[in-house]
Protein backbone atom coordinates (compact mmCIF):
# COMPACT_ATOMS: atom_id res chain seq x y z
CA MET A 1 119.98 97.06 118.30
CA SER A 2 117.93 96.12 115.24
CA ILE A 3 114.69 96.49 113.33
CA ILE A 4 112.42 93.54 112.53
CA ILE A 5 110.00 93.63 109.62
CA PHE A 6 107.06 91.21 109.54
CA GLY A 7 105.45 91.48 106.16
CA SER A 8 105.15 90.96 102.45
CA ILE A 9 107.80 90.05 99.92
CA ASN A 10 106.82 90.51 96.26
CA ILE A 11 108.33 90.60 92.81
CA ASP A 12 107.35 93.85 91.05
CA LEU A 13 106.60 93.71 87.32
CA ILE A 14 106.79 97.35 86.25
CA ALA A 15 105.64 98.91 82.96
CA THR A 16 106.20 102.60 82.27
CA THR A 17 103.92 104.52 79.93
CA LEU A 18 103.03 108.12 79.07
CA ARG A 19 99.65 107.80 80.78
CA LEU A 20 97.71 105.14 82.64
CA PRO A 21 95.07 103.28 80.57
CA THR A 22 91.36 103.77 81.13
CA PRO A 23 89.21 100.64 81.73
CA GLY A 24 89.07 98.49 78.58
CA GLU A 25 91.87 100.41 76.88
CA THR A 26 95.16 98.98 75.58
CA ILE A 27 98.08 101.38 75.28
CA ASN A 28 101.78 101.07 74.45
CA GLY A 29 104.38 101.21 77.18
CA ASN A 30 107.93 102.46 76.80
CA ASN A 31 109.87 100.38 79.33
CA PHE A 32 109.63 97.23 81.48
CA LEU A 33 111.61 96.00 84.46
CA THR A 34 111.38 93.51 87.31
CA ALA A 35 112.43 94.47 90.81
CA GLY A 36 112.08 93.41 94.42
CA GLY A 37 108.95 94.76 96.10
CA GLY A 38 106.31 94.10 98.72
CA LYS A 39 105.78 96.61 101.50
CA GLY A 40 107.59 94.49 104.08
CA ALA A 41 110.65 93.89 101.92
CA ASN A 42 110.71 97.51 100.75
CA GLN A 43 110.79 98.77 104.33
CA ALA A 44 113.51 96.27 105.19
CA VAL A 45 115.73 97.43 102.32
CA ALA A 46 115.06 101.10 103.14
CA ALA A 47 116.29 100.62 106.72
CA ALA A 48 119.20 98.34 105.80
CA ARG A 49 120.52 100.79 103.18
CA LEU A 50 120.69 103.40 105.94
CA GLY A 51 123.06 101.12 107.85
CA ILE A 52 120.58 99.63 110.32
CA THR A 53 120.70 95.93 111.31
CA THR A 54 117.52 94.65 109.71
CA THR A 55 115.75 91.28 109.66
CA ILE A 56 112.64 90.32 107.69
CA VAL A 57 110.17 87.58 108.63
CA GLY A 58 107.86 86.42 105.83
CA ARG A 59 107.36 83.96 102.99
CA VAL A 60 108.24 83.46 99.34
CA GLY A 61 107.28 80.65 96.98
CA ASN A 62 109.52 77.86 95.75
CA ASP A 63 110.04 79.50 92.35
CA SER A 64 112.59 81.63 90.49
CA PHE A 65 111.01 84.86 91.73
CA GLY A 66 111.42 83.72 95.34
CA GLN A 67 115.11 82.91 94.90
CA GLN A 68 115.67 86.20 93.06
CA LEU A 69 114.06 88.13 95.93
CA LEU A 70 116.06 86.38 98.65
CA THR A 71 119.29 87.10 96.81
CA SER A 72 118.29 90.74 96.31
CA LEU A 73 117.43 91.20 100.00
CA GLN A 74 120.70 89.61 101.10
CA THR A 75 122.62 91.89 98.73
CA ALA A 76 120.97 94.85 100.48
CA ASN A 77 122.24 93.47 103.84
CA VAL A 78 118.80 92.34 105.02
CA ASP A 79 118.89 89.19 107.19
CA THR A 80 116.54 86.67 105.51
CA THR A 81 116.90 83.79 107.98
CA GLY A 82 113.33 84.54 109.07
CA VAL A 83 111.94 83.93 105.56
CA VAL A 84 110.25 80.59 104.80
CA VAL A 85 110.22 79.17 101.26
CA ASP A 86 106.62 77.95 100.90
CA GLN A 87 106.39 74.79 98.80
CA ASN A 88 102.66 75.10 98.13
CA ILE A 89 102.13 78.51 96.51
CA HIS A 90 103.83 81.06 94.25
CA THR A 91 105.76 84.12 95.37
CA GLY A 92 103.73 87.32 95.73
CA VAL A 93 103.52 89.43 92.55
CA ALA A 94 102.73 93.11 91.98
CA VAL A 95 101.87 94.31 88.48
CA ILE A 96 102.61 98.05 88.33
CA ALA A 97 101.95 100.71 85.68
CA VAL A 98 103.75 104.06 86.06
CA ASP A 99 102.93 107.14 83.96
CA ALA A 100 105.12 110.06 82.88
CA ARG A 101 104.15 112.08 85.99
CA GLY A 102 105.28 109.29 88.31
CA GLU A 103 101.74 108.28 89.29
CA ASN A 104 101.08 104.56 89.50
CA SER A 105 98.40 101.88 89.36
CA ILE A 106 99.08 98.55 91.10
CA ILE A 107 97.54 95.05 91.18
CA VAL A 108 98.90 92.77 93.91
CA VAL A 109 98.52 88.96 93.85
CA PRO A 110 99.58 88.00 97.41
CA GLY A 111 100.68 84.40 96.85
CA ALA A 112 102.90 83.17 99.69
CA ASN A 113 102.30 86.36 101.68
CA HIS A 114 98.77 85.18 102.46
CA SER A 115 100.07 81.84 103.73
CA ILE A 116 101.63 83.55 106.75
CA ASN A 117 100.27 82.04 109.97
CA ASN A 118 101.02 81.53 113.68
CA THR A 119 104.18 79.53 112.97
CA ASP A 120 105.60 82.70 111.41
CA VAL A 121 104.54 84.71 114.46
CA GLU A 122 106.43 82.24 116.66
CA ARG A 123 109.56 82.60 114.52
CA LEU A 124 109.17 86.35 114.87
CA ARG A 125 108.92 86.07 118.66
CA ASN A 126 112.35 84.44 118.77
CA LEU A 127 113.90 87.39 116.92
CA LEU A 128 112.35 90.29 118.84
CA SER A 129 114.48 90.25 121.99
CA ASP A 130 117.12 92.63 120.59
CA ALA A 131 114.78 94.77 118.44
CA THR A 132 113.92 98.44 118.89
CA ALA A 133 110.96 98.30 116.50
CA LEU A 134 108.66 95.93 114.65
CA LEU A 135 107.44 97.24 111.29
CA LEU A 136 104.08 95.94 110.07
CA GLN A 137 101.96 96.44 106.95
CA LEU A 138 98.72 94.81 105.82
CA GLU A 139 99.78 92.84 102.73
CA ILE A 140 99.77 89.83 105.05
CA PRO A 141 96.66 88.46 106.83
CA LEU A 142 95.37 91.04 109.32
CA GLU A 143 94.90 88.42 112.04
CA PHE A 144 98.60 87.59 112.14
CA ALA A 145 99.74 91.21 111.85
CA MET A 146 97.73 91.83 115.03
CA SER A 147 99.19 88.74 116.70
CA ALA A 148 102.68 90.01 115.89
CA ALA A 149 101.85 93.43 117.36
CA LYS A 150 100.62 91.78 120.60
CA VAL A 151 103.86 89.80 120.91
CA ALA A 152 105.97 92.91 120.29
CA GLN A 153 103.99 94.98 122.80
CA LYS A 154 104.46 92.33 125.51
CA MET A 155 108.20 92.33 124.81
CA GLY A 156 108.45 96.13 124.96
CA VAL A 157 109.23 96.52 121.26
CA LYS A 158 107.86 99.60 119.46
CA VAL A 159 105.16 98.73 116.86
CA ILE A 160 105.08 100.82 113.67
CA LEU A 161 102.14 100.13 111.35
CA ASP A 162 101.63 101.23 107.77
CA PRO A 163 97.87 100.47 107.42
CA ALA A 164 98.05 99.57 103.75
CA PRO A 165 96.28 98.15 101.96
CA MET A 166 93.39 99.17 104.20
CA PRO A 167 91.12 96.30 105.28
CA GLU A 168 87.36 96.65 104.80
CA LYS A 169 87.05 97.13 108.55
CA PHE A 170 89.99 98.16 110.71
CA PRO A 171 89.69 96.45 114.13
CA ASN A 172 89.24 98.90 117.02
CA ASP A 173 91.38 96.76 119.31
CA PHE A 174 94.35 97.12 116.94
CA TYR A 175 94.82 100.82 117.79
CA ASN A 176 96.00 100.12 121.36
CA LEU A 177 98.77 97.88 120.02
CA ILE A 178 100.32 100.59 117.83
CA ASP A 179 103.08 102.99 118.86
CA ILE A 180 103.22 104.79 115.51
CA ILE A 181 100.67 104.55 112.67
CA THR A 182 101.64 106.04 109.28
CA PRO A 183 98.68 106.28 106.88
CA ASN A 184 98.72 108.38 103.73
CA GLU A 185 95.79 110.73 103.09
CA VAL A 186 93.64 108.03 101.42
CA GLU A 187 94.17 105.53 104.24
CA ALA A 188 93.69 108.21 106.88
CA SER A 189 90.37 109.17 105.27
CA GLN A 190 89.23 105.54 105.37
CA LEU A 191 90.25 105.20 109.02
CA VAL A 192 88.63 108.36 110.38
CA GLY A 193 85.61 108.60 108.09
CA PHE A 194 86.20 112.11 106.73
CA THR A 195 88.23 113.42 103.78
CA VAL A 196 91.90 114.09 104.48
CA ASN A 197 93.43 116.28 101.77
CA ASP A 198 95.42 119.09 103.43
CA ARG A 199 97.40 120.00 106.52
CA GLU A 200 94.32 120.95 108.56
CA THR A 201 92.35 117.76 107.90
CA ALA A 202 95.50 115.65 108.31
CA THR A 203 96.01 117.21 111.75
CA GLN A 204 92.40 116.45 112.68
CA ALA A 205 92.85 112.85 111.50
CA ALA A 206 96.10 112.38 113.42
CA ILE A 207 94.49 113.67 116.62
CA GLU A 208 91.49 111.38 116.10
CA LEU A 209 93.77 108.35 115.67
CA CYS A 210 95.49 109.17 118.95
CA LYS A 211 92.09 109.38 120.64
CA ARG A 212 91.42 105.83 119.43
CA GLY A 213 94.47 104.50 121.28
CA VAL A 214 97.46 104.97 118.97
CA LYS A 215 100.39 106.56 120.82
CA ASN A 216 101.60 108.58 117.80
CA ALA A 217 99.90 109.20 114.44
CA VAL A 218 101.86 110.28 111.37
CA VAL A 219 99.67 111.28 108.41
CA LYS A 220 101.46 111.64 105.07
CA ILE A 221 99.97 114.15 102.61
CA GLY A 222 102.25 113.55 99.64
CA ASP A 223 104.31 116.48 98.36
CA ARG A 224 102.73 118.78 100.97
CA GLY A 225 104.44 117.10 103.88
CA VAL A 226 103.65 115.12 107.02
CA VAL A 227 101.54 115.86 110.11
CA CYS A 228 102.27 114.11 113.40
CA ALA A 229 100.16 113.98 116.56
CA THR A 230 101.37 112.63 119.90
CA GLU A 231 99.80 112.60 123.34
CA GLU A 232 101.49 115.97 124.03
CA GLU A 233 101.59 117.91 120.74
CA THR A 234 101.08 118.08 116.99
CA PHE A 235 103.76 119.15 114.53
CA PHE A 236 104.26 119.51 110.78
CA GLN A 237 107.18 118.36 108.63
CA PRO A 238 107.23 120.01 105.18
CA ALA A 239 108.03 117.86 102.18
CA PHE A 240 111.43 118.17 100.52
CA VAL A 241 111.32 119.46 96.95
CA VAL A 242 112.64 116.93 94.44
CA GLU A 243 111.88 115.96 90.84
CA ALA A 244 109.54 112.96 91.11
CA ILE A 245 110.06 110.15 88.62
CA ASP A 246 108.16 107.31 90.31
CA THR A 247 106.13 107.44 93.55
CA VAL A 248 106.15 103.64 94.03
CA ALA A 249 107.29 102.72 97.57
CA ALA A 250 107.76 106.30 98.81
CA GLY A 251 105.67 105.40 101.87
CA ASP A 252 107.82 102.33 102.51
CA ALA A 253 110.96 104.45 102.25
CA PHE A 254 109.40 106.84 104.77
CA ASN A 255 108.77 104.08 107.30
CA GLY A 256 112.25 102.65 106.81
CA GLY A 257 113.81 106.07 107.42
CA LEU A 258 111.56 106.71 110.42
CA ALA A 259 112.46 103.39 112.05
CA ALA A 260 116.16 103.84 111.26
CA ALA A 261 116.20 107.19 113.07
CA LEU A 262 114.46 105.75 116.12
CA ASP A 263 116.90 102.83 116.16
CA THR A 264 119.79 105.31 116.37
CA GLY A 265 118.13 107.03 119.35
CA LEU A 266 116.76 110.14 117.63
CA SER A 267 113.54 111.89 118.69
CA LEU A 268 110.20 111.38 116.93
CA LYS A 269 110.52 114.81 115.28
CA ASP A 270 113.91 113.90 113.86
CA ALA A 271 112.60 110.47 112.87
CA VAL A 272 109.74 112.04 110.89
CA LYS A 273 112.30 114.27 109.17
CA TRP A 274 114.42 111.21 108.32
CA GLY A 275 111.31 109.54 106.92
CA ALA A 276 110.53 112.59 104.78
CA VAL A 277 114.09 112.64 103.39
CA ALA A 278 114.04 108.90 102.61
CA GLY A 279 110.64 109.22 100.91
CA ALA A 280 111.77 112.22 98.86
CA LEU A 281 114.92 110.50 97.63
CA CYS A 282 112.94 107.37 96.76
CA VAL A 283 110.68 109.17 94.26
CA THR A 284 113.70 110.39 92.29
CA LYS A 285 114.34 106.83 91.04
CA SER A 286 112.27 104.09 89.39
CA GLY A 287 111.11 100.93 91.14
CA ALA A 288 110.66 100.06 94.79
CA GLN A 289 113.76 98.50 96.36
CA PRO A 290 116.15 99.83 93.66
CA ALA A 291 114.99 103.35 94.59
CA MET A 292 115.87 103.07 98.29
CA THR A 293 118.67 105.47 99.10
CA ASP A 294 122.08 104.63 100.55
CA ARG A 295 123.40 106.27 103.73
CA LYS A 296 125.96 108.52 102.00
CA THR A 297 123.37 110.03 99.64
CA PHE A 298 120.94 110.36 102.55
CA ASP A 299 123.45 112.16 104.78
CA ASN A 300 124.48 114.55 102.00
CA PHE A 301 120.83 115.44 101.34
CA LEU A 302 120.15 115.91 105.05
CA LEU A 303 123.13 118.27 105.40
CA LYS A 304 121.80 120.46 102.62
């Protein structure tokens, strides 16, 4: 079987600094690096590094960043035959500042990611026949993310949505297309209309999302853990204690680990645990795709 990702592909321009600047302030950084990013590509690399057959459908620009990203994805064993090189616009870019505590501030310029349209959805359709799951995020136009979810649902493929970045208004008819939604506490708060900041409110939010039509809701509350609600039960997965260096892409690592577990036939509870392990290992390294863990490291951590 396999996992298909329909989503964004970015180049990350990362500056590290002791603290994040306030508005209007210029401060000195202490390091700079470029790395593959974009929520779609991050999730693809996360799953592929865990040994899962993974294909990404998306767009890059006809520039050096685009070629660099395609090469990087292929090196991570991600199938990029579903990626179009767009001749009319630049590759997506994310400008990221990371402070000494691992907190980050990000500006995304979507570029080719926002050129995704129905022709990309049709290419996706041709790849879904052998897939166990379709992973979606919202760094591509919402309209086509929904179209992709409709296609996957009709073909019996599980739809996993990371609702980030959150649109101004989340369409009510999207909920019924989603098998698993995975917001963090900020996104969950925006979705349900009340503050989500602990296990109790995360549980309430997850239950509310199921009431709206989602089959399973997984609400991530950072280093406190993960709450999951299904049609039958709610359960809690504690976070794994690690030394955080950089929280960039931890949520993408989580979704990659979650989907990888489901692809191997594990239960949702085990899949949430896999996601938590992948997310924890991700924050121990800098960058997005470079921080995604390999299967050997993952298995050793899981055994402990």
